């Protein structure tokens, strides 16, 4: 997924689907910075995940805000 700023629906087996805001990529391109407003603490509200790990939860659709 490539975008300047994207809203990305995610899902897990434990929670209802929600939206997170992808705010950028890591310098080496291997990870994504994102904002999850429903995170339980500062570390889960503003986080970085490797792309492969994020793809496990990405619902396959999104909205580009660029």
C-alpha atoms as a PDB file:
ATOM      1  CA  UNK A   1       0.000   0.000   0.000  1.00  0.00           C
ATOM      2  CA  UNK A   2       1.508   3.329  -1.042  1.00  0.00           C
ATOM      3  CA  UNK A   3       0.049   6.681  -0.046  1.00  0.00           C
ATOM      4  CA  UNK A   4       0.901   9.995   1.555  1.00  0.00           C
ATOM      5  CA  UNK A   5      -1.888   9.605   4.120  1.00  0.00           C
ATOM      6  CA  UNK A   6      -4.353   6.707   4.033  1.00  0.00           C
ATOM      7  CA  UNK A   7      -7.250   5.470   6.058  1.00  0.00           C
ATOM      8  CA  UNK A   8      -6.938   1.682   6.217  1.00  0.00           C
ATOM      9  CA  UNK A   9      -9.572  -0.673   7.607  1.00  0.00           C
ATOM     10  CA  UNK A  10      -8.080  -3.422   9.732  1.00  0.00           C
ATOM     11  CA  UNK A  11      -9.534  -6.470  11.422  1.00  0.00           C
ATOM     12  CA  UNK A  12      -8.481  -8.991  14.005  1.00  0.00           C
ATOM     13  CA  UNK A  13      -9.959 -12.185  15.290  1.00  0.00           C
ATOM     14  CA  UNK A  14     -10.399 -10.534  18.688  1.00  0.00           C
ATOM     15  CA  UNK A  15     -11.898  -7.133  17.886  1.00  0.00           C
ATOM     16  CA  UNK A  16     -14.408  -5.518  15.595  1.00  0.00           C
ATOM     17  CA  UNK A  17     -13.031  -3.909  12.425  1.00  0.00           C
ATOM     18  CA  UNK A  18     -11.745  -0.352  12.784  1.00  0.00           C
ATOM     19  CA  UNK A  19      -9.885   2.301  10.835  1.00  0.00           C
ATOM     20  CA  UNK A  20      -6.291   3.315  11.376  1.00  0.00           C
ATOM     21  CA  UNK A  21      -4.529   6.230   9.735  1.00  0.00           C
ATOM     22  CA  UNK A  22      -1.329   5.284   7.909  1.00  0.00           C
ATOM     23  CA  UNK A  23       0.883   8.352   8.269  1.00  0.00           C
ATOM     24  CA  UNK A  24       4.054   7.228   6.509  1.00  0.00           C
ATOM     25  CA  UNK A  25       6.736   4.619   5.922  1.00  0.00           C
ATOM     26  CA  UNK A  26       9.940   3.935   7.796  1.00  0.00           C
ATOM     27  CA  UNK A  27      13.085   5.347   6.191  1.00  0.00           C
ATOM     28  CA  UNK A  28      14.033   1.953   4.754  1.00  0.00           C
ATOM     29  CA  UNK A  29      10.470   1.282   3.496  1.00  0.00           C
ATOM     30  CA  UNK A  30      10.075  -1.917   5.499  1.00  0.00           C
ATOM     31  CA  UNK A  31       7.550  -0.541   7.989  1.00  0.00           C
ATOM     32  CA  UNK A  32       4.524   1.711   8.323  1.00  0.00           C
ATOM     33  CA  UNK A  33       3.834   4.491  10.802  1.00  0.00           C
ATOM     34  CA  UNK A  34       0.196   4.659  11.781  1.00  0.00           C
ATOM     35  CA  UNK A  35      -2.226   6.291  14.190  1.00  0.00           C
ATOM     36  CA  UNK A  36      -4.874   4.131  15.868  1.00  0.00           C
ATOM     37  CA  UNK A  37      -7.249   6.413  17.805  1.00  0.00           C
ATOM     38  CA  UNK A  38      -8.719   3.479  19.729  1.00  0.00           C
ATOM     39  CA  UNK A  39      -5.328   2.256  20.965  1.00  0.00           C
ATOM     40  CA  UNK A  40      -5.147   1.396  24.645  1.00  0.00           C
ATOM     41  CA  UNK A  41      -2.005   3.452  25.367  1.00  0.00           C
ATOM     42  CA  UNK A  42       0.400   5.850  23.645  1.00  0.00           C
ATOM     43  CA  UNK A  43       2.382   2.946  22.148  1.00  0.00           C
ATOM     44  CA  UNK A  44      -0.668   1.455  20.437  1.00  0.00           C
ATOM     45  CA  UNK A  45      -2.145   4.789  19.341  1.00  0.00           C
ATOM     46  CA  UNK A  46       1.010   5.866  17.447  1.00  0.00           C
ATOM     47  CA  UNK A  47       2.893   2.801  16.278  1.00  0.00           C
ATOM     48  CA  UNK A  48       5.259   1.377  13.692  1.00  0.00           C
ATOM     49  CA  UNK A  49       4.815  -2.118  12.295  1.00  0.00           C
ATOM     50  CA  UNK A  50       6.697  -4.033   9.607  1.00  0.00           C
ATOM     51  CA  UNK A  51       4.667  -4.059   6.368  1.00  0.00           C
ATOM     52  CA  UNK A  52       4.360  -7.864   6.457  1.00  0.00           C
ATOM     53  CA  UNK A  53       2.875  -7.758   9.959  1.00  0.00           C
ATOM     54  CA  UNK A  54       0.463  -4.930   9.094  1.00  0.00           C
ATOM     55  CA  UNK A  55      -0.692  -6.870   6.000  1.00  0.00           C
ATOM     56  CA  UNK A  56      -1.947  -9.661   8.287  1.00  0.00           C
ATOM     57  CA  UNK A  57      -4.574  -7.229   9.630  1.00  0.00           C
ATOM     58  CA  UNK A  58      -5.179  -5.004   6.586  1.00  0.00           C
ATOM     59  CA  UNK A  59      -8.677  -5.570   5.212  1.00  0.00           C
ATOM     60  CA  UNK A  60      -7.586  -4.969   1.605  1.00  0.00           C
ATOM     61  CA  UNK A  61      -9.217  -1.585   1.043  1.00  0.00           C
ATOM     62  CA  UNK A  62      -8.594   2.001   2.034  1.00  0.00           C
ATOM     63  CA  UNK A  63      -9.017   5.670   1.255  1.00  0.00           C
ATOM     64  CA  UNK A  64      -6.144   7.874   0.102  1.00  0.00           C
ATOM     65  CA  UNK A  65      -6.196  11.354   1.609  1.00  0.00           C
ATOM     66  CA  UNK A  66      -3.299  12.677  -0.480  1.00  0.00           C
END
